[in-house]
Amino acid sequence: MKTLKGNQINLRALEPEDLSFLFDIENNEQFWEVSHTQIPFSRFLLKKYIENSHLDIYEAKQLRLIIELSKNKSSVGMIDLFDFNPQHKRAGIGILIHPDYQKKGYANEALDNLINYCFKHLNLRQLYANITIDNQNSLHLFHAKRFTKVGIKKDWIYYQGKFKDEILLQLINE
């Protein structure tokens, strides 16, 4: 599908071979704040997750795609749709790039591709993102894609003994 292919990256469905990559990402405590994870994931659970990832977005109400480099098929991150609601034509969106691959334009291109896919193929009207107030890289990325701040959830995220505000951003396809 051309919509999910870019110049530097492709977005693709999960494969059994992604188990080690998912295991490393999901069990990296550096990401637990944004993923709301509190305990490690076992390989067994992640294997089951991959096995069930074939479910249609209309059934599962979520979609996870791997961000891979076009040139060598290396996995560099993940981009998710969650809270998919076809009745109201909206979904939440989240993105994670492995630290070794950040600041290379991969998140920018992946987000462009997923936004295009959502509006053209899923017929969504709006996307939203929840980003902690101190995550300047993500805020900059989503603002660059025309997401606008529509609210602040005060003391929304409790992490490492502190509360953080979370910004709600929204993109409406007009």
N, C-alpha and C. Protein backbone atom coordinates (compact mmCIF):
# COMPACT_ATOMS: atom_id res chain seq x y z
N MET A 1 0.85 -1.17 0.00
CA MET A 1 0.00 0.00 0.00
C MET A 1 0.89 1.24 0.00
N LYS A 2 0.76 2.05 -1.02
CA LYS A 2 1.61 3.22 -1.20
C LYS A 2 1.49 4.21 -0.04
N THR A 3 0.31 4.30 0.57
CA THR A 3 0.08 5.24 1.66
C THR A 3 1.03 4.98 2.84
N LEU A 4 1.40 3.75 3.05
CA LEU A 4 2.22 3.40 4.20
C LEU A 4 3.71 3.29 3.87
N LYS A 5 4.07 3.70 2.67
CA LYS A 5 5.47 3.68 2.25
C LYS A 5 5.94 5.12 2.07
N GLY A 6 7.13 5.39 2.60
CA GLY A 6 7.69 6.71 2.47
C GLY A 6 9.05 6.68 1.80
N ASN A 7 9.76 7.77 1.87
CA ASN A 7 11.10 7.83 1.29
C ASN A 7 12.12 7.07 2.13
N GLN A 8 12.08 7.30 3.44
CA GLN A 8 13.05 6.66 4.34
C GLN A 8 12.48 5.45 5.07
N ILE A 9 11.17 5.46 5.31
CA ILE A 9 10.56 4.42 6.15
C ILE A 9 9.32 3.83 5.50
N ASN A 10 8.94 2.67 6.01
CA ASN A 10 7.67 2.03 5.67
C ASN A 10 6.96 1.72 6.98
N LEU A 11 5.65 1.72 6.94
CA LEU A 11 4.85 1.27 8.06
C LEU A 11 4.28 -0.09 7.67
N ARG A 12 4.43 -1.07 8.56
CA ARG A 12 3.96 -2.40 8.24
C ARG A 12 3.35 -3.08 9.46
N ALA A 13 2.59 -4.12 9.21
CA ALA A 13 1.97 -4.90 10.28
C ALA A 13 3.04 -5.64 11.08
N LEU A 14 2.67 -6.02 12.28
CA LEU A 14 3.55 -6.82 13.13
C LEU A 14 3.78 -8.20 12.52
N GLU A 15 4.99 -8.69 12.68
CA GLU A 15 5.39 -10.02 12.21
C GLU A 15 5.96 -10.79 13.40
N PRO A 16 5.94 -12.13 13.34
CA PRO A 16 6.53 -12.91 14.43
C PRO A 16 7.99 -12.53 14.71
N GLU A 17 8.70 -12.11 13.68
CA GLU A 17 10.10 -11.73 13.84
C GLU A 17 10.29 -10.45 14.67
N ASP A 18 9.21 -9.74 14.95
CA ASP A 18 9.28 -8.50 15.74
C ASP A 18 9.31 -8.76 17.24
N LEU A 19 9.25 -10.02 17.65
CA LEU A 19 9.16 -10.34 19.08
C LEU A 19 10.31 -9.72 19.87
N SER A 20 11.54 -9.88 19.44
CA SER A 20 12.69 -9.34 20.19
C SER A 20 12.65 -7.82 20.24
N PHE A 21 12.29 -7.17 19.13
CA PHE A 21 12.20 -5.71 19.10
C PHE A 21 11.12 -5.24 20.08
N LEU A 22 9.94 -5.86 20.04
CA LEU A 22 8.86 -5.49 20.96
C LEU A 22 9.27 -5.73 22.41
N PHE A 23 9.91 -6.86 22.66
CA PHE A 23 10.36 -7.19 24.00
C PHE A 23 11.30 -6.11 24.54
N ASP A 24 12.24 -5.68 23.72
CA ASP A 24 13.19 -4.65 24.13
C ASP A 24 12.50 -3.31 24.38
N ILE A 25 11.59 -2.93 23.51
CA ILE A 25 10.88 -1.65 23.65
C ILE A 25 9.95 -1.67 24.85
N GLU A 26 9.10 -2.69 24.93
CA GLU A 26 8.08 -2.74 25.99
C GLU A 26 8.70 -2.89 27.38
N ASN A 27 9.89 -3.44 27.47
CA ASN A 27 10.53 -3.64 28.77
C ASN A 27 11.60 -2.60 29.07
N ASN A 28 11.69 -1.58 28.25
CA ASN A 28 12.62 -0.49 28.49
C ASN A 28 11.92 0.53 29.39
N GLU A 29 12.36 0.63 30.62
CA GLU A 29 11.70 1.51 31.59
C GLU A 29 11.69 2.97 31.16
N GLN A 30 12.56 3.34 30.25
CA GLN A 30 12.60 4.71 29.73
C GLN A 30 11.27 5.07 29.05
N PHE A 31 10.56 4.07 28.53
CA PHE A 31 9.31 4.32 27.80
C PHE A 31 8.07 4.09 28.64
N TRP A 32 8.22 3.63 29.86
CA TRP A 32 7.06 3.27 30.65
C TRP A 32 6.16 4.46 30.97
N GLU A 33 6.73 5.63 31.06
CA GLU A 33 5.90 6.81 31.34
C GLU A 33 4.87 7.03 30.23
N VAL A 34 5.31 6.93 28.98
CA VAL A 34 4.39 7.21 27.87
C VAL A 34 3.49 6.02 27.55
N SER A 35 3.94 4.81 27.90
CA SER A 35 3.12 3.63 27.59
C SER A 35 2.22 3.23 28.76
N HIS A 36 2.37 3.91 29.89
CA HIS A 36 1.61 3.62 31.10
C HIS A 36 1.85 2.19 31.58
N THR A 37 3.05 1.69 31.35
CA THR A 37 3.43 0.36 31.78
C THR A 37 3.96 0.42 33.21
N GLN A 38 3.64 -0.60 34.00
CA GLN A 38 4.14 -0.64 35.36
C GLN A 38 4.90 -1.93 35.67
N ILE A 39 4.74 -2.92 34.81
CA ILE A 39 5.43 -4.19 35.02
C ILE A 39 6.00 -4.67 33.68
N PRO A 40 7.05 -5.46 33.72
CA PRO A 40 7.61 -5.98 32.47
C PRO A 40 6.65 -6.92 31.75
N PHE A 41 6.82 -7.02 30.44
CA PHE A 41 6.06 -7.96 29.63
C PHE A 41 6.90 -9.20 29.37
N SER A 42 6.27 -10.36 29.41
CA SER A 42 6.98 -11.60 29.09
C SER A 42 7.00 -11.80 27.58
N ARG A 43 7.95 -12.59 27.11
CA ARG A 43 7.98 -12.95 25.69
C ARG A 43 6.70 -13.69 25.31
N PHE A 44 6.20 -14.51 26.21
CA PHE A 44 4.96 -15.26 25.96
C PHE A 44 3.80 -14.32 25.68
N LEU A 45 3.61 -13.30 26.53
CA LEU A 45 2.51 -12.35 26.33
C LEU A 45 2.68 -11.56 25.03
N LEU A 46 3.89 -11.15 24.75
CA LEU A 46 4.13 -10.40 23.52
C LEU A 46 3.93 -11.28 22.29
N LYS A 47 4.28 -12.54 22.38
CA LYS A 47 4.05 -13.47 21.27
C LYS A 47 2.55 -13.60 21.01
N LYS A 48 1.76 -13.72 22.08
CA LYS A 48 0.30 -13.80 21.94
C LYS A 48 -0.26 -12.51 21.33
N TYR A 49 0.30 -11.36 21.77
CA TYR A 49 -0.12 -10.07 21.22
C TYR A 49 0.12 -10.03 19.72
N ILE A 50 1.30 -10.46 19.29
CA ILE A 50 1.62 -10.49 17.86
C ILE A 50 0.68 -11.43 17.12
N GLU A 51 0.40 -12.58 17.72
CA GLU A 51 -0.50 -13.55 17.08
C GLU A 51 -1.90 -12.98 16.88
N ASN A 52 -2.33 -12.11 17.78
CA ASN A 52 -3.67 -11.51 17.67
C ASN A 52 -3.68 -10.19 16.93
N SER A 53 -2.52 -9.74 16.47
CA SER A 53 -2.45 -8.44 15.80
C SER A 53 -3.09 -8.46 14.41
N HIS A 54 -3.48 -9.63 13.94
CA HIS A 54 -4.13 -9.73 12.64
C HIS A 54 -5.58 -9.25 12.68
N LEU A 55 -6.11 -9.06 13.89
CA LEU A 55 -7.50 -8.63 14.01
C LEU A 55 -7.70 -7.30 13.31
N ASP A 56 -8.80 -7.17 12.63
CA ASP A 56 -9.15 -5.95 11.92
C ASP A 56 -9.30 -4.80 12.91
N ILE A 57 -8.90 -3.60 12.51
CA ILE A 57 -9.01 -2.43 13.38
C ILE A 57 -10.45 -2.19 13.83
N TYR A 58 -11.41 -2.58 13.03
CA TYR A 58 -12.81 -2.40 13.40
C TYR A 58 -13.22 -3.36 14.52
N GLU A 59 -12.51 -4.46 14.64
CA GLU A 59 -12.77 -5.42 15.71
C GLU A 59 -11.92 -5.11 16.95
N ALA A 60 -10.63 -4.88 16.74
CA ALA A 60 -9.70 -4.67 17.85
C ALA A 60 -9.76 -3.26 18.41
N LYS A 61 -10.21 -2.29 17.61
CA LYS A 61 -10.27 -0.87 17.98
C LYS A 61 -8.89 -0.26 18.18
N GLN A 62 -7.87 -0.94 17.67
CA GLN A 62 -6.50 -0.42 17.74
C GLN A 62 -5.69 -1.03 16.61
N LEU A 63 -4.57 -0.37 16.33
CA LEU A 63 -3.67 -0.85 15.28
C LEU A 63 -2.26 -0.42 15.64
N ARG A 64 -1.34 -1.37 15.65
CA ARG A 64 0.07 -1.06 15.85
C ARG A 64 0.81 -1.41 14.57
N LEU A 65 1.60 -0.46 14.10
CA LEU A 65 2.44 -0.68 12.93
C LEU A 65 3.89 -0.48 13.31
N ILE A 66 4.74 -1.27 12.71
CA ILE A 66 6.18 -1.14 12.91
C ILE A 66 6.70 -0.11 11.91
N ILE A 67 7.57 0.75 12.37
CA ILE A 67 8.26 1.70 11.49
C ILE A 67 9.59 1.05 11.14
N GLU A 68 9.78 0.78 9.85
CA GLU A 68 11.03 0.16 9.43
C GLU A 68 11.70 1.00 8.36
N LEU A 69 13.01 0.92 8.32
CA LEU A 69 13.77 1.63 7.30
C LEU A 69 13.54 0.99 5.94
N SER A 70 13.30 1.80 4.93
CA SER A 70 13.09 1.29 3.58
C SER A 70 14.31 0.58 3.04
N LYS A 71 15.49 1.11 3.34
CA LYS A 71 16.72 0.61 2.72
C LYS A 71 17.14 -0.76 3.22
N ASN A 72 16.94 -1.05 4.52
CA ASN A 72 17.42 -2.34 5.02
C ASN A 72 16.43 -3.10 5.90
N LYS A 73 15.21 -2.59 5.99
CA LYS A 73 14.12 -3.24 6.74
C LYS A 73 14.37 -3.33 8.24
N SER A 74 15.27 -2.50 8.78
CA SER A 74 15.50 -2.46 10.23
C SER A 74 14.32 -1.78 10.92
N SER A 75 13.87 -2.34 12.02
CA SER A 75 12.80 -1.74 12.81
C SER A 75 13.37 -0.61 13.65
N VAL A 76 12.73 0.57 13.56
CA VAL A 76 13.22 1.73 14.31
C VAL A 76 12.19 2.28 15.29
N GLY A 77 10.95 1.80 15.21
CA GLY A 77 9.93 2.30 16.12
C GLY A 77 8.58 1.70 15.84
N MET A 78 7.57 2.27 16.50
CA MET A 78 6.19 1.82 16.36
C MET A 78 5.28 3.04 16.33
N ILE A 79 4.18 2.89 15.63
CA ILE A 79 3.17 3.95 15.62
C ILE A 79 1.82 3.26 15.82
N ASP A 80 1.02 3.83 16.70
CA ASP A 80 -0.22 3.19 17.12
C ASP A 80 -1.43 4.07 16.87
N LEU A 81 -2.52 3.41 16.53
CA LEU A 81 -3.85 4.00 16.61
C LEU A 81 -4.54 3.29 17.76
N PHE A 82 -5.22 4.04 18.60
CA PHE A 82 -5.94 3.45 19.73
C PHE A 82 -7.26 4.19 19.91
N ASP A 83 -8.13 3.63 20.71
CA ASP A 83 -9.48 4.20 20.90
C ASP A 83 -10.15 4.49 19.57
N PHE A 84 -9.93 3.61 18.60
CA PHE A 84 -10.53 3.78 17.27
C PHE A 84 -12.04 3.73 17.40
N ASN A 85 -12.71 4.76 16.91
CA ASN A 85 -14.16 4.83 17.00
C ASN A 85 -14.70 5.20 15.62
N PRO A 86 -15.11 4.19 14.83
CA PRO A 86 -15.60 4.48 13.48
C PRO A 86 -16.92 5.25 13.47
N GLN A 87 -17.73 5.10 14.51
CA GLN A 87 -18.99 5.84 14.56
C GLN A 87 -18.74 7.34 14.61
N HIS A 88 -17.79 7.74 15.44
CA HIS A 88 -17.50 9.16 15.59
C HIS A 88 -16.31 9.60 14.74
N LYS A 89 -15.76 8.65 13.98
CA LYS A 89 -14.69 8.92 13.01
C LYS A 89 -13.46 9.56 13.64
N ARG A 90 -12.97 8.90 14.73
CA ARG A 90 -11.79 9.43 15.42
C ARG A 90 -10.95 8.30 15.99
N ALA A 91 -9.70 8.64 16.29
CA ALA A 91 -8.78 7.71 16.93
C ALA A 91 -7.67 8.50 17.60
N GLY A 92 -7.08 7.89 18.61
CA GLY A 92 -5.88 8.42 19.24
C GLY A 92 -4.66 7.92 18.48
N ILE A 93 -3.59 8.65 18.57
CA ILE A 93 -2.37 8.28 17.87
C ILE A 93 -1.18 8.45 18.81
N GLY A 94 -0.27 7.50 18.73
CA GLY A 94 0.95 7.57 19.52
C GLY A 94 2.12 7.03 18.70
N ILE A 95 3.30 7.50 19.00
CA ILE A 95 4.48 7.10 18.23
C ILE A 95 5.67 6.97 19.18
N LEU A 96 6.50 5.99 18.89
CA LEU A 96 7.70 5.77 19.67
C LEU A 96 8.83 5.39 18.71
N ILE A 97 9.91 6.11 18.80
CA ILE A 97 11.11 5.81 18.00
C ILE A 97 12.21 5.39 18.97
N HIS A 98 12.86 4.28 18.67
CA HIS A 98 13.98 3.81 19.50
C HIS A 98 15.02 4.93 19.60
N PRO A 99 15.59 5.14 20.78
CA PRO A 99 16.55 6.24 20.97
C PRO A 99 17.71 6.25 19.96
N ASP A 100 18.14 5.10 19.50
CA ASP A 100 19.24 5.04 18.52
C ASP A 100 18.87 5.66 17.17
N TYR A 101 17.57 5.85 16.93
CA TYR A 101 17.11 6.31 15.62
C TYR A 101 16.37 7.65 15.69
N GLN A 102 16.36 8.29 16.83
CA GLN A 102 15.66 9.57 16.97
C GLN A 102 16.42 10.69 16.27
N LYS A 103 15.67 11.73 15.93
CA LYS A 103 16.19 12.95 15.30
C LYS A 103 16.77 12.69 13.90
N LYS A 104 16.14 11.76 13.19
CA LYS A 104 16.55 11.46 11.82
C LYS A 104 15.38 11.64 10.83
N GLY A 105 14.25 12.16 11.32
CA GLY A 105 13.10 12.40 10.46
C GLY A 105 12.15 11.22 10.33
N TYR A 106 12.43 10.12 11.02
CA TYR A 106 11.59 8.93 10.87
C TYR A 106 10.20 9.13 11.48
N ALA A 107 10.13 9.76 12.64
CA ALA A 107 8.83 10.02 13.27
C ALA A 107 8.00 10.96 12.41
N ASN A 108 8.63 11.96 11.85
CA ASN A 108 7.96 12.93 10.99
C ASN A 108 7.31 12.22 9.79
N GLU A 109 8.08 11.39 9.13
CA GLU A 109 7.56 10.69 7.95
C GLU A 109 6.50 9.65 8.33
N ALA A 110 6.72 8.94 9.43
CA ALA A 110 5.74 7.94 9.87
C ALA A 110 4.41 8.60 10.22
N LEU A 111 4.47 9.74 10.90
CA LEU A 111 3.25 10.44 11.27
C LEU A 111 2.52 10.96 10.03
N ASP A 112 3.26 11.51 9.06
CA ASP A 112 2.64 11.92 7.79
C ASP A 112 1.89 10.76 7.14
N ASN A 113 2.55 9.61 7.08
CA ASN A 113 1.96 8.45 6.41
C ASN A 113 0.73 7.95 7.14
N LEU A 114 0.79 7.91 8.48
CA LEU A 114 -0.36 7.40 9.22
C LEU A 114 -1.54 8.38 9.17
N ILE A 115 -1.26 9.67 9.24
CA ILE A 115 -2.34 10.65 9.12
C ILE A 115 -3.03 10.50 7.77
N ASN A 116 -2.26 10.40 6.72
CA ASN A 116 -2.81 10.20 5.38
C ASN A 116 -3.65 8.93 5.30
N TYR A 117 -3.14 7.84 5.86
CA TYR A 117 -3.87 6.57 5.88
C TYR A 117 -5.20 6.71 6.63
N CYS A 118 -5.17 7.37 7.77
CA CYS A 118 -6.38 7.53 8.58
C CYS A 118 -7.46 8.32 7.86
N PHE A 119 -7.06 9.41 7.20
CA PHE A 119 -8.05 10.25 6.55
C PHE A 119 -8.52 9.68 5.21
N LYS A 120 -7.64 9.02 4.49
CA LYS A 120 -8.01 8.51 3.17
C LYS A 120 -8.61 7.11 3.20
N HIS A 121 -8.06 6.22 4.03
CA HIS A 121 -8.50 4.82 4.00
C HIS A 121 -9.45 4.45 5.11
N LEU A 122 -9.27 5.05 6.28
CA LEU A 122 -10.18 4.75 7.39
C LEU A 122 -11.33 5.75 7.48
N ASN A 123 -11.26 6.79 6.65
CA ASN A 123 -12.31 7.80 6.58
C ASN A 123 -12.55 8.47 7.94
N LEU A 124 -11.46 8.69 8.69
CA LEU A 124 -11.59 9.39 9.96
C LEU A 124 -11.68 10.88 9.74
N ARG A 125 -12.31 11.55 10.67
CA ARG A 125 -12.40 13.00 10.61
C ARG A 125 -11.38 13.66 11.54
N GLN A 126 -11.03 12.94 12.63
CA GLN A 126 -10.11 13.56 13.56
C GLN A 126 -9.21 12.54 14.26
N LEU A 127 -8.04 13.04 14.63
CA LEU A 127 -7.06 12.29 15.39
C LEU A 127 -6.71 13.11 16.62
N TYR A 128 -6.31 12.42 17.68
CA TYR A 128 -5.87 13.15 18.86
C TYR A 128 -4.63 12.48 19.45
N ALA A 129 -3.90 13.24 20.25
CA ALA A 129 -2.71 12.73 20.92
C ALA A 129 -2.66 13.31 22.32
N ASN A 130 -2.16 12.51 23.24
CA ASN A 130 -1.95 12.93 24.62
C ASN A 130 -0.45 12.96 24.87
N ILE A 131 0.09 14.12 25.21
CA ILE A 131 1.53 14.28 25.36
C ILE A 131 1.83 15.04 26.64
N THR A 132 2.76 14.51 27.44
CA THR A 132 3.11 15.20 28.68
C THR A 132 3.75 16.55 28.35
N ILE A 133 3.53 17.47 29.23
CA ILE A 133 3.94 18.86 29.00
C ILE A 133 5.45 19.02 28.83
N ASP A 134 6.22 18.07 29.35
CA ASP A 134 7.68 18.18 29.25
C ASP A 134 8.26 17.44 28.04
N ASN A 135 7.42 16.83 27.22
CA ASN A 135 7.89 16.09 26.04
C ASN A 135 7.92 17.04 24.84
N GLN A 136 8.91 17.91 24.85
CA GLN A 136 8.99 18.96 23.83
C GLN A 136 9.18 18.41 22.42
N ASN A 137 9.91 17.32 22.26
CA ASN A 137 10.11 16.75 20.93
C ASN A 137 8.78 16.31 20.32
N SER A 138 7.97 15.61 21.10
CA SER A 138 6.67 15.15 20.60
C SER A 138 5.72 16.32 20.36
N LEU A 139 5.72 17.27 21.26
CA LEU A 139 4.85 18.44 21.08
C LEU A 139 5.21 19.17 19.78
N HIS A 140 6.50 19.36 19.55
CA HIS A 140 6.95 20.03 18.33
C HIS A 140 6.52 19.23 17.09
N LEU A 141 6.70 17.91 17.12
CA LEU A 141 6.33 17.05 16.00
C LEU A 141 4.84 17.17 15.67
N PHE A 142 4.00 17.04 16.68
CA PHE A 142 2.55 17.07 16.45
C PHE A 142 2.07 18.47 16.05
N HIS A 143 2.65 19.51 16.63
CA HIS A 143 2.29 20.87 16.21
C HIS A 143 2.67 21.09 14.74
N ALA A 144 3.80 20.54 14.32
CA ALA A 144 4.23 20.68 12.92
C ALA A 144 3.27 19.99 11.96
N LYS A 145 2.49 19.03 12.47
CA LYS A 145 1.51 18.32 11.65
C LYS A 145 0.11 18.93 11.78
N ARG A 146 0.05 20.14 12.32
CA ARG A 146 -1.19 20.91 12.45
C ARG A 146 -2.11 20.43 13.57
N PHE A 147 -1.60 19.62 14.48
CA PHE A 147 -2.38 19.28 15.68
C PHE A 147 -2.43 20.54 16.54
N THR A 148 -3.58 20.82 17.12
CA THR A 148 -3.71 22.00 17.97
C THR A 148 -4.01 21.58 19.41
N LYS A 149 -3.51 22.36 20.32
CA LYS A 149 -3.76 22.11 21.74
C LYS A 149 -5.21 22.48 22.04
N VAL A 150 -5.94 21.52 22.60
CA VAL A 150 -7.34 21.79 22.94
C VAL A 150 -7.61 21.69 24.43
N GLY A 151 -6.59 21.29 25.18
CA GLY A 151 -6.78 21.23 26.62
C GLY A 151 -5.55 20.72 27.35
N ILE A 152 -5.59 20.92 28.65
CA ILE A 152 -4.54 20.41 29.53
C ILE A 152 -5.22 19.60 30.63
N LYS A 153 -4.73 18.39 30.80
CA LYS A 153 -5.20 17.55 31.90
C LYS A 153 -4.19 17.72 33.04
N LYS A 154 -4.61 18.41 34.07
CA LYS A 154 -3.75 18.76 35.20
C LYS A 154 -3.40 17.52 36.03
N ASP A 155 -2.12 17.42 36.40
CA ASP A 155 -1.64 16.33 37.25
C ASP A 155 -2.12 14.96 36.75
N TRP A 156 -2.09 14.76 35.48
CA TRP A 156 -2.69 13.59 34.85
C TRP A 156 -1.80 12.34 34.93
N ILE A 157 -0.52 12.53 34.82
CA ILE A 157 0.42 11.41 34.80
C ILE A 157 1.25 11.44 36.08
N TYR A 158 1.23 10.34 36.82
CA TYR A 158 2.06 10.20 38.01
C TYR A 158 3.21 9.28 37.66
N TYR A 159 4.42 9.82 37.72
CA TYR A 159 5.59 9.05 37.32
C TYR A 159 6.78 9.44 38.17
N GLN A 160 7.42 8.46 38.73
CA GLN A 160 8.60 8.65 39.58
C GLN A 160 8.37 9.69 40.67
N GLY A 161 7.24 9.57 41.34
CA GLY A 161 6.95 10.41 42.49
C GLY A 161 6.45 11.80 42.19
N LYS A 162 6.18 12.11 40.92
CA LYS A 162 5.72 13.46 40.57
C LYS A 162 4.52 13.37 39.62
N PHE A 163 3.66 14.37 39.73
CA PHE A 163 2.56 14.51 38.79
C PHE A 163 2.97 15.42 37.65
N LYS A 164 2.48 15.09 36.46
CA LYS A 164 2.74 15.91 35.27
C LYS A 164 1.42 16.22 34.58
N ASP A 165 1.36 17.40 34.00
CA ASP A 165 0.22 17.74 33.16
C ASP A 165 0.38 17.04 31.82
N GLU A 166 -0.76 16.75 31.22
CA GLU A 166 -0.75 16.14 29.88
C GLU A 166 -1.57 17.03 28.95
N ILE A 167 -1.01 17.31 27.79
CA ILE A 167 -1.67 18.16 26.81
C ILE A 167 -2.46 17.29 25.84
N LEU A 168 -3.68 17.69 25.57
CA LEU A 168 -4.52 17.01 24.59
C LEU A 168 -4.44 17.81 23.29
N LEU A 169 -3.98 17.15 22.24
CA LEU A 169 -3.87 17.76 20.92
C LEU A 169 -4.84 17.09 19.97
N GLN A 170 -5.33 17.84 19.00
CA GLN A 170 -6.34 17.34 18.09
C GLN A 170 -6.07 17.84 16.67
N LEU A 171 -6.30 16.96 15.72
CA LEU A 171 -6.21 17.31 14.31
C LEU A 171 -7.54 16.94 13.66
N ILE A 172 -8.22 17.95 13.11
CA ILE A 172 -9.50 17.72 12.45
C ILE A 172 -9.29 17.89 10.96
N ASN A 173 -9.72 16.89 10.21
CA ASN A 173 -9.61 16.92 8.74
C ASN A 173 -10.81 17.68 8.19
N GLU A 174 -10.56 18.88 7.76
CA GLU A 174 -11.66 19.74 7.26
C GLU A 174 -11.80 19.63 5.77
